[in-house]
Amino acid sequence: MTAQIVHAERRGRLLSAPKPLFYILLLLCAVVGSFAYKLRVDGIFACGADRYSADRYLAYCNATAYGDYDRGAFWFALEPEAPRNAAAAEVLFIGSSRMQFAFSTAATAEWFSLSAARYYLLGFSHTEDIVFLAPLLSKL
């Protein structure tokens, strides 16, 4: 009878003892889940990419943890096609995102296709000054 009591006590201790692997996995799932949620709500995945194609990239996302990408894309050649296309353009529009939005229309594309001139919209998320643009234009 004492062997049954000892066996029952061992089983009770095993069932009530903390399971470190379970807690580690639970913690890991919570960390990964919260990171994914943070990316979706505050990071780059907060902005949809449904309006972009091979000749466009996401320059600015109004999410708190995203920031700007457009300056680095040109300065560090993160988007290699962007500086090449800007350098090859015959008409270069330089301005802010307002200019970018204003000329990103079918009418602009149609007008330039009729005139057979290549154009590029070099609009940044905020207004730029000569301190950034002069070295950038000399690189292009």
N, C-alpha and C. Protein backbone atom coordinates (compact mmCIF):
# COMPACT_ATOMS: atom_id res chain seq x y z
N MET A 1 0.82 -1.19 0.00
CA MET A 1 0.00 0.00 0.00
C MET A 1 0.86 1.26 0.00
N THR A 2 1.98 1.21 0.59
CA THR A 2 2.85 2.38 0.60
C THR A 2 3.42 2.66 -0.79
N ALA A 3 3.62 1.61 -1.60
CA ALA A 3 4.12 1.81 -2.96
C ALA A 3 3.10 2.55 -3.80
N GLN A 4 1.82 2.29 -3.58
CA GLN A 4 0.78 3.00 -4.32
C GLN A 4 0.72 4.46 -3.91
N ILE A 5 0.93 4.73 -2.65
CA ILE A 5 0.90 6.12 -2.16
C ILE A 5 2.08 6.90 -2.74
N VAL A 6 3.28 6.28 -2.73
CA VAL A 6 4.47 6.94 -3.29
C VAL A 6 4.27 7.20 -4.77
N HIS A 7 3.73 6.24 -5.50
CA HIS A 7 3.49 6.40 -6.94
C HIS A 7 2.48 7.52 -7.20
N ALA A 8 1.42 7.58 -6.40
CA ALA A 8 0.41 8.63 -6.54
C ALA A 8 1.00 9.99 -6.22
N GLU A 9 1.89 10.07 -5.24
CA GLU A 9 2.54 11.35 -4.90
C GLU A 9 3.44 11.82 -6.03
N ARG A 10 4.20 10.88 -6.62
CA ARG A 10 5.07 11.24 -7.74
C ARG A 10 4.25 11.76 -8.93
N ARG A 11 3.16 11.07 -9.23
CA ARG A 11 2.31 11.50 -10.33
C ARG A 11 1.72 12.87 -10.05
N GLY A 12 1.29 13.12 -8.82
CA GLY A 12 0.75 14.43 -8.45
C GLY A 12 1.78 15.53 -8.58
N ARG A 13 3.04 15.24 -8.16
CA ARG A 13 4.10 16.24 -8.29
C ARG A 13 4.44 16.50 -9.76
N LEU A 14 4.45 15.47 -10.57
CA LEU A 14 4.74 15.65 -12.00
C LEU A 14 3.67 16.47 -12.70
N LEU A 15 2.42 16.26 -12.33
CA LEU A 15 1.33 17.00 -12.96
C LEU A 15 1.28 18.44 -12.47
N SER A 16 1.68 18.69 -11.25
CA SER A 16 1.59 20.05 -10.71
C SER A 16 2.89 20.83 -10.87
N ALA A 17 3.98 20.15 -11.25
CA ALA A 17 5.25 20.84 -11.43
C ALA A 17 5.19 21.72 -12.67
N PRO A 18 5.84 22.89 -12.64
CA PRO A 18 5.84 23.77 -13.82
C PRO A 18 6.57 23.11 -15.00
N LYS A 19 6.06 23.35 -16.15
CA LYS A 19 6.64 22.81 -17.37
C LYS A 19 7.43 23.91 -18.08
N PRO A 20 8.76 23.94 -17.90
CA PRO A 20 9.55 25.03 -18.48
C PRO A 20 9.42 25.13 -20.00
N LEU A 21 9.40 24.01 -20.67
CA LEU A 21 9.30 24.04 -22.13
C LEU A 21 7.98 24.66 -22.59
N PHE A 22 6.90 24.33 -21.90
CA PHE A 22 5.60 24.91 -22.24
C PHE A 22 5.61 26.42 -22.05
N TYR A 23 6.18 26.90 -20.95
CA TYR A 23 6.22 28.33 -20.69
C TYR A 23 7.13 29.06 -21.68
N ILE A 24 8.23 28.42 -22.03
CA ILE A 24 9.13 29.04 -23.02
C ILE A 24 8.44 29.15 -24.37
N LEU A 25 7.75 28.09 -24.78
CA LEU A 25 7.02 28.13 -26.05
C LEU A 25 5.89 29.16 -26.01
N LEU A 26 5.20 29.24 -24.90
CA LEU A 26 4.14 30.23 -24.76
C LEU A 26 4.69 31.64 -24.85
N LEU A 27 5.81 31.89 -24.18
CA LEU A 27 6.44 33.19 -24.22
C LEU A 27 6.94 33.51 -25.63
N LEU A 28 7.53 32.54 -26.29
CA LEU A 28 8.02 32.73 -27.66
C LEU A 28 6.87 33.06 -28.61
N CYS A 29 5.76 32.36 -28.46
CA CYS A 29 4.58 32.64 -29.29
C CYS A 29 4.05 34.04 -29.04
N ALA A 30 4.05 34.47 -27.79
CA ALA A 30 3.58 35.81 -27.46
C ALA A 30 4.49 36.88 -28.05
N VAL A 31 5.80 36.67 -28.01
CA VAL A 31 6.75 37.64 -28.57
C VAL A 31 6.60 37.72 -30.09
N VAL A 32 6.55 36.58 -30.75
CA VAL A 32 6.41 36.57 -32.22
C VAL A 32 5.06 37.16 -32.63
N GLY A 33 4.01 36.82 -31.91
CA GLY A 33 2.69 37.37 -32.23
C GLY A 33 2.62 38.87 -32.04
N SER A 34 3.20 39.37 -30.96
CA SER A 34 3.17 40.82 -30.75
C SER A 34 4.04 41.55 -31.76
N PHE A 35 5.16 40.94 -32.16
CA PHE A 35 6.01 41.55 -33.19
C PHE A 35 5.27 41.62 -34.53
N ALA A 36 4.58 40.55 -34.89
CA ALA A 36 3.82 40.54 -36.13
C ALA A 36 2.70 41.57 -36.09
N TYR A 37 2.03 41.68 -34.96
CA TYR A 37 0.97 42.68 -34.81
C TYR A 37 1.54 44.09 -34.93
N LYS A 38 2.69 44.33 -34.31
CA LYS A 38 3.31 45.66 -34.37
C LYS A 38 3.70 46.01 -35.80
N LEU A 39 4.24 45.04 -36.55
CA LEU A 39 4.56 45.29 -37.95
C LEU A 39 3.32 45.62 -38.77
N ARG A 40 2.24 44.91 -38.50
CA ARG A 40 1.00 45.09 -39.26
C ARG A 40 0.33 46.42 -38.95
N VAL A 41 0.41 46.87 -37.71
CA VAL A 41 -0.30 48.08 -37.30
C VAL A 41 0.57 49.32 -37.44
N ASP A 42 1.85 49.24 -37.05
CA ASP A 42 2.72 50.42 -37.03
C ASP A 42 3.85 50.38 -38.05
N GLY A 43 4.13 49.26 -38.65
CA GLY A 43 5.27 49.13 -39.55
C GLY A 43 4.88 49.24 -41.01
N ILE A 44 5.74 48.71 -41.86
CA ILE A 44 5.54 48.84 -43.31
C ILE A 44 4.30 48.09 -43.79
N PHE A 45 3.90 47.03 -43.10
CA PHE A 45 2.72 46.29 -43.53
C PHE A 45 1.42 47.01 -43.20
N ALA A 46 1.50 48.16 -42.54
CA ALA A 46 0.32 48.96 -42.28
C ALA A 46 -0.15 49.66 -43.56
N CYS A 47 0.74 49.78 -44.52
CA CYS A 47 0.42 50.44 -45.79
C CYS A 47 0.28 49.38 -46.87
N GLY A 48 -0.82 49.41 -47.56
CA GLY A 48 -1.05 48.44 -48.61
C GLY A 48 -0.17 48.68 -49.82
N ALA A 49 0.16 47.64 -50.52
CA ALA A 49 1.01 47.74 -51.71
C ALA A 49 0.23 47.42 -52.97
N ASP A 50 -1.06 47.60 -52.93
CA ASP A 50 -1.89 47.23 -54.08
C ASP A 50 -1.79 48.21 -55.24
N ARG A 51 -1.27 49.42 -55.02
CA ARG A 51 -1.18 50.40 -56.11
C ARG A 51 0.23 50.54 -56.66
N TYR A 52 1.13 49.64 -56.32
CA TYR A 52 2.51 49.75 -56.76
C TYR A 52 2.80 48.70 -57.83
N SER A 53 3.73 49.06 -58.70
CA SER A 53 4.13 48.16 -59.77
C SER A 53 5.65 48.20 -59.87
N ALA A 54 6.19 47.64 -60.92
CA ALA A 54 7.64 47.56 -61.06
C ALA A 54 8.31 48.93 -61.18
N ASP A 55 7.57 49.94 -61.63
CA ASP A 55 8.18 51.26 -61.79
C ASP A 55 7.86 52.20 -60.64
N ARG A 56 7.40 51.68 -59.51
CA ARG A 56 7.06 52.50 -58.34
C ARG A 56 7.51 51.78 -57.08
N TYR A 57 7.78 52.56 -56.05
CA TYR A 57 8.09 51.97 -54.75
C TYR A 57 7.44 52.81 -53.67
N LEU A 58 7.32 52.24 -52.49
CA LEU A 58 6.68 52.91 -51.36
C LEU A 58 7.69 53.86 -50.73
N ALA A 59 7.49 55.15 -50.88
CA ALA A 59 8.43 56.13 -50.35
C ALA A 59 8.11 56.51 -48.92
N TYR A 60 6.85 56.62 -48.59
CA TYR A 60 6.46 57.04 -47.25
C TYR A 60 5.19 56.32 -46.86
N CYS A 61 5.14 55.91 -45.62
CA CYS A 61 3.97 55.24 -45.07
C CYS A 61 3.59 55.99 -43.80
N ASN A 62 2.36 56.33 -43.67
CA ASN A 62 1.92 57.12 -42.52
C ASN A 62 1.74 56.25 -41.27
N ALA A 63 2.64 55.33 -41.05
CA ALA A 63 2.63 54.49 -39.85
C ALA A 63 3.71 55.01 -38.91
N THR A 64 3.48 54.88 -37.62
CA THR A 64 4.38 55.49 -36.64
C THR A 64 5.78 54.90 -36.64
N ALA A 65 5.96 53.66 -37.03
CA ALA A 65 7.28 53.02 -36.97
C ALA A 65 7.92 52.83 -38.34
N TYR A 66 7.41 53.47 -39.38
CA TYR A 66 7.96 53.25 -40.71
C TYR A 66 9.02 54.27 -41.08
N GLY A 67 8.69 55.52 -41.07
CA GLY A 67 9.65 56.55 -41.46
C GLY A 67 9.69 56.76 -42.96
N ASP A 68 10.79 57.34 -43.44
CA ASP A 68 10.97 57.63 -44.85
C ASP A 68 11.89 56.60 -45.48
N TYR A 69 11.62 56.33 -46.73
CA TYR A 69 12.44 55.40 -47.47
C TYR A 69 13.03 56.05 -48.72
N ASP A 70 12.37 57.09 -49.21
CA ASP A 70 12.72 57.62 -50.53
C ASP A 70 14.13 58.21 -50.58
N ARG A 71 14.57 58.91 -49.56
CA ARG A 71 15.92 59.49 -49.60
C ARG A 71 16.98 58.39 -49.63
N GLY A 72 16.83 57.40 -48.77
CA GLY A 72 17.79 56.30 -48.74
C GLY A 72 17.75 55.47 -50.00
N ALA A 73 16.58 55.35 -50.62
CA ALA A 73 16.46 54.58 -51.86
C ALA A 73 17.33 55.18 -52.94
N PHE A 74 17.42 56.51 -52.99
CA PHE A 74 18.26 57.16 -53.99
C PHE A 74 19.70 57.27 -53.54
N TRP A 75 19.92 57.70 -52.31
CA TRP A 75 21.27 57.98 -51.85
C TRP A 75 22.12 56.70 -51.78
N PHE A 76 21.54 55.62 -51.28
CA PHE A 76 22.27 54.37 -51.12
C PHE A 76 21.97 53.35 -52.22
N ALA A 77 21.26 53.78 -53.26
CA ALA A 77 20.90 52.93 -54.40
C ALA A 77 20.22 51.64 -53.95
N LEU A 78 19.26 51.78 -53.03
CA LEU A 78 18.50 50.62 -52.57
C LEU A 78 17.52 50.15 -53.63
N GLU A 79 17.11 51.04 -54.47
CA GLU A 79 16.26 50.72 -55.63
C GLU A 79 17.10 51.08 -56.86
N PRO A 80 17.91 50.16 -57.37
CA PRO A 80 18.87 50.51 -58.43
C PRO A 80 18.24 51.08 -59.69
N GLU A 81 17.02 50.68 -59.99
CA GLU A 81 16.37 51.19 -61.19
C GLU A 81 15.97 52.66 -61.05
N ALA A 82 15.69 53.10 -59.84
CA ALA A 82 15.22 54.48 -59.63
C ALA A 82 16.27 55.51 -60.05
N PRO A 83 17.51 55.45 -59.55
CA PRO A 83 18.50 56.44 -60.02
C PRO A 83 18.80 56.32 -61.51
N ARG A 84 18.80 55.10 -62.04
CA ARG A 84 19.05 54.93 -63.48
C ARG A 84 17.96 55.58 -64.31
N ASN A 85 16.72 55.38 -63.92
CA ASN A 85 15.60 55.98 -64.66
C ASN A 85 15.59 57.49 -64.51
N ALA A 86 15.93 57.99 -63.33
CA ALA A 86 15.99 59.45 -63.14
C ALA A 86 17.10 60.05 -63.99
N ALA A 87 18.24 59.40 -64.05
CA ALA A 87 19.35 59.92 -64.85
C ALA A 87 19.05 59.86 -66.34
N ALA A 88 18.26 58.89 -66.77
CA ALA A 88 17.95 58.74 -68.20
C ALA A 88 16.81 59.63 -68.65
N ALA A 89 16.13 60.27 -67.73
CA ALA A 89 14.97 61.10 -68.10
C ALA A 89 15.41 62.40 -68.77
N GLU A 90 14.60 62.83 -69.72
CA GLU A 90 14.84 64.11 -70.38
C GLU A 90 14.19 65.25 -69.61
N VAL A 91 13.12 64.94 -68.89
CA VAL A 91 12.44 65.92 -68.04
C VAL A 91 12.41 65.35 -66.63
N LEU A 92 12.93 66.13 -65.68
CA LEU A 92 12.99 65.69 -64.29
C LEU A 92 12.18 66.65 -63.44
N PHE A 93 11.10 66.14 -62.86
CA PHE A 93 10.29 66.92 -61.95
C PHE A 93 10.87 66.76 -60.55
N ILE A 94 11.21 67.85 -59.90
CA ILE A 94 11.79 67.80 -58.56
C ILE A 94 10.84 68.52 -57.61
N GLY A 95 10.49 67.86 -56.51
CA GLY A 95 9.60 68.50 -55.56
C GLY A 95 9.26 67.59 -54.39
N SER A 96 8.13 67.88 -53.82
CA SER A 96 7.68 67.13 -52.65
C SER A 96 6.69 66.04 -53.07
N SER A 97 6.12 65.40 -52.08
CA SER A 97 5.13 64.37 -52.38
C SER A 97 3.88 64.96 -53.02
N ARG A 98 3.63 66.23 -52.80
CA ARG A 98 2.48 66.88 -53.45
C ARG A 98 2.68 66.94 -54.96
N MET A 99 3.90 67.27 -55.37
CA MET A 99 4.21 67.26 -56.80
C MET A 99 4.10 65.84 -57.34
N GLN A 100 4.62 64.89 -56.58
CA GLN A 100 4.58 63.49 -56.99
C GLN A 100 3.14 63.04 -57.21
N PHE A 101 2.28 63.39 -56.29
CA PHE A 101 0.87 63.01 -56.39
C PHE A 101 0.19 63.72 -57.56
N ALA A 102 0.50 65.00 -57.74
CA ALA A 102 -0.16 65.80 -58.77
C ALA A 102 0.16 65.29 -60.18
N PHE A 103 1.39 64.85 -60.41
CA PHE A 103 1.78 64.41 -61.74
C PHE A 103 1.72 62.90 -61.94
N SER A 104 1.32 62.16 -60.95
CA SER A 104 1.16 60.70 -61.09
C SER A 104 -0.21 60.38 -61.65
N THR A 105 -0.45 60.87 -62.84
CA THR A 105 -1.76 60.68 -63.45
C THR A 105 -1.61 60.08 -64.85
N ALA A 106 -2.69 59.57 -65.34
CA ALA A 106 -2.71 59.05 -66.70
C ALA A 106 -2.52 60.17 -67.72
N ALA A 107 -3.01 61.37 -67.42
CA ALA A 107 -2.87 62.50 -68.33
C ALA A 107 -1.40 62.87 -68.52
N THR A 108 -0.61 62.85 -67.45
CA THR A 108 0.82 63.15 -67.57
C THR A 108 1.52 62.09 -68.41
N ALA A 109 1.23 60.83 -68.13
CA ALA A 109 1.85 59.74 -68.89
C ALA A 109 1.47 59.82 -70.37
N GLU A 110 0.22 60.14 -70.65
CA GLU A 110 -0.23 60.24 -72.04
C GLU A 110 0.44 61.40 -72.76
N TRP A 111 0.54 62.55 -72.08
CA TRP A 111 1.16 63.72 -72.70
C TRP A 111 2.62 63.44 -73.05
N PHE A 112 3.34 62.83 -72.12
CA PHE A 112 4.75 62.55 -72.40
C PHE A 112 4.93 61.43 -73.41
N SER A 113 4.01 60.51 -73.48
CA SER A 113 4.13 59.47 -74.51
C SER A 113 3.88 60.06 -75.90
N LEU A 114 3.00 61.06 -76.00
CA LEU A 114 2.75 61.72 -77.29
C LEU A 114 3.95 62.56 -77.71
N SER A 115 4.64 63.16 -76.76
CA SER A 115 5.79 64.00 -77.09
C SER A 115 7.09 63.19 -77.20
N ALA A 116 7.03 61.91 -76.90
CA ALA A 116 8.17 61.00 -76.97
C ALA A 116 9.33 61.46 -76.09
N ALA A 117 9.02 62.07 -74.99
CA ALA A 117 10.04 62.49 -74.02
C ALA A 117 9.92 61.63 -72.76
N ARG A 118 11.07 61.24 -72.25
CA ARG A 118 11.07 60.45 -71.01
C ARG A 118 11.07 61.41 -69.83
N TYR A 119 10.22 61.12 -68.86
CA TYR A 119 10.15 61.97 -67.67
C TYR A 119 10.29 61.13 -66.42
N TYR A 120 10.64 61.81 -65.33
CA TYR A 120 10.77 61.12 -64.04
C TYR A 120 10.29 62.07 -62.94
N LEU A 121 9.48 61.53 -62.04
CA LEU A 121 8.97 62.31 -60.92
C LEU A 121 9.87 62.06 -59.72
N LEU A 122 10.73 63.00 -59.41
CA LEU A 122 11.65 62.89 -58.28
C LEU A 122 11.07 63.69 -57.11
N GLY A 123 9.99 63.15 -56.56
CA GLY A 123 9.33 63.80 -55.44
C GLY A 123 9.62 63.06 -54.15
N PHE A 124 9.96 63.80 -53.12
CA PHE A 124 10.28 63.19 -51.83
C PHE A 124 9.14 63.47 -50.85
N SER A 125 9.11 62.71 -49.79
CA SER A 125 7.97 62.77 -48.86
C SER A 125 7.83 64.13 -48.19
N HIS A 126 8.90 64.86 -48.06
CA HIS A 126 8.85 66.21 -47.50
C HIS A 126 9.60 67.13 -48.46
N THR A 127 9.47 68.41 -48.27
CA THR A 127 10.13 69.37 -49.14
C THR A 127 11.63 69.29 -48.95
N GLU A 128 12.36 69.22 -50.04
CA GLU A 128 13.81 69.12 -50.00
C GLU A 128 14.45 70.48 -50.26
N ASP A 129 15.71 70.59 -49.86
CA ASP A 129 16.46 71.80 -50.15
C ASP A 129 17.74 71.43 -50.90
N ILE A 130 18.55 72.41 -51.18
CA ILE A 130 19.74 72.22 -52.01
C ILE A 130 20.80 71.37 -51.32
N VAL A 131 20.76 71.29 -49.99
CA VAL A 131 21.76 70.52 -49.25
C VAL A 131 21.69 69.04 -49.62
N PHE A 132 20.52 68.52 -49.82
CA PHE A 132 20.37 67.11 -50.23
C PHE A 132 20.33 66.98 -51.75
N LEU A 133 19.62 67.87 -52.41
CA LEU A 133 19.39 67.71 -53.85
C LEU A 133 20.64 67.95 -54.69
N ALA A 134 21.49 68.90 -54.32
CA ALA A 134 22.68 69.19 -55.14
C ALA A 134 23.60 67.97 -55.23
N PRO A 135 24.00 67.36 -54.12
CA PRO A 135 24.83 66.15 -54.25
C PRO A 135 24.12 65.00 -54.95
N LEU A 136 22.80 64.87 -54.71
CA LEU A 136 22.05 63.80 -55.36
C LEU A 136 22.03 63.99 -56.88
N LEU A 137 21.76 65.20 -57.31
CA LEU A 137 21.72 65.47 -58.76
C LEU A 137 23.09 65.30 -59.40
N SER A 138 24.15 65.62 -58.67
CA SER A 138 25.50 65.41 -59.24
C SER A 138 25.81 63.91 -59.33
N LYS A 139 25.25 63.10 -58.41
CA LYS A 139 25.43 61.64 -58.52
C LYS A 139 24.67 61.08 -59.72
N LEU A 140 23.49 61.67 -59.99
CA LEU A 140 22.68 61.18 -61.10
C LEU A 140 23.32 61.57 -62.43
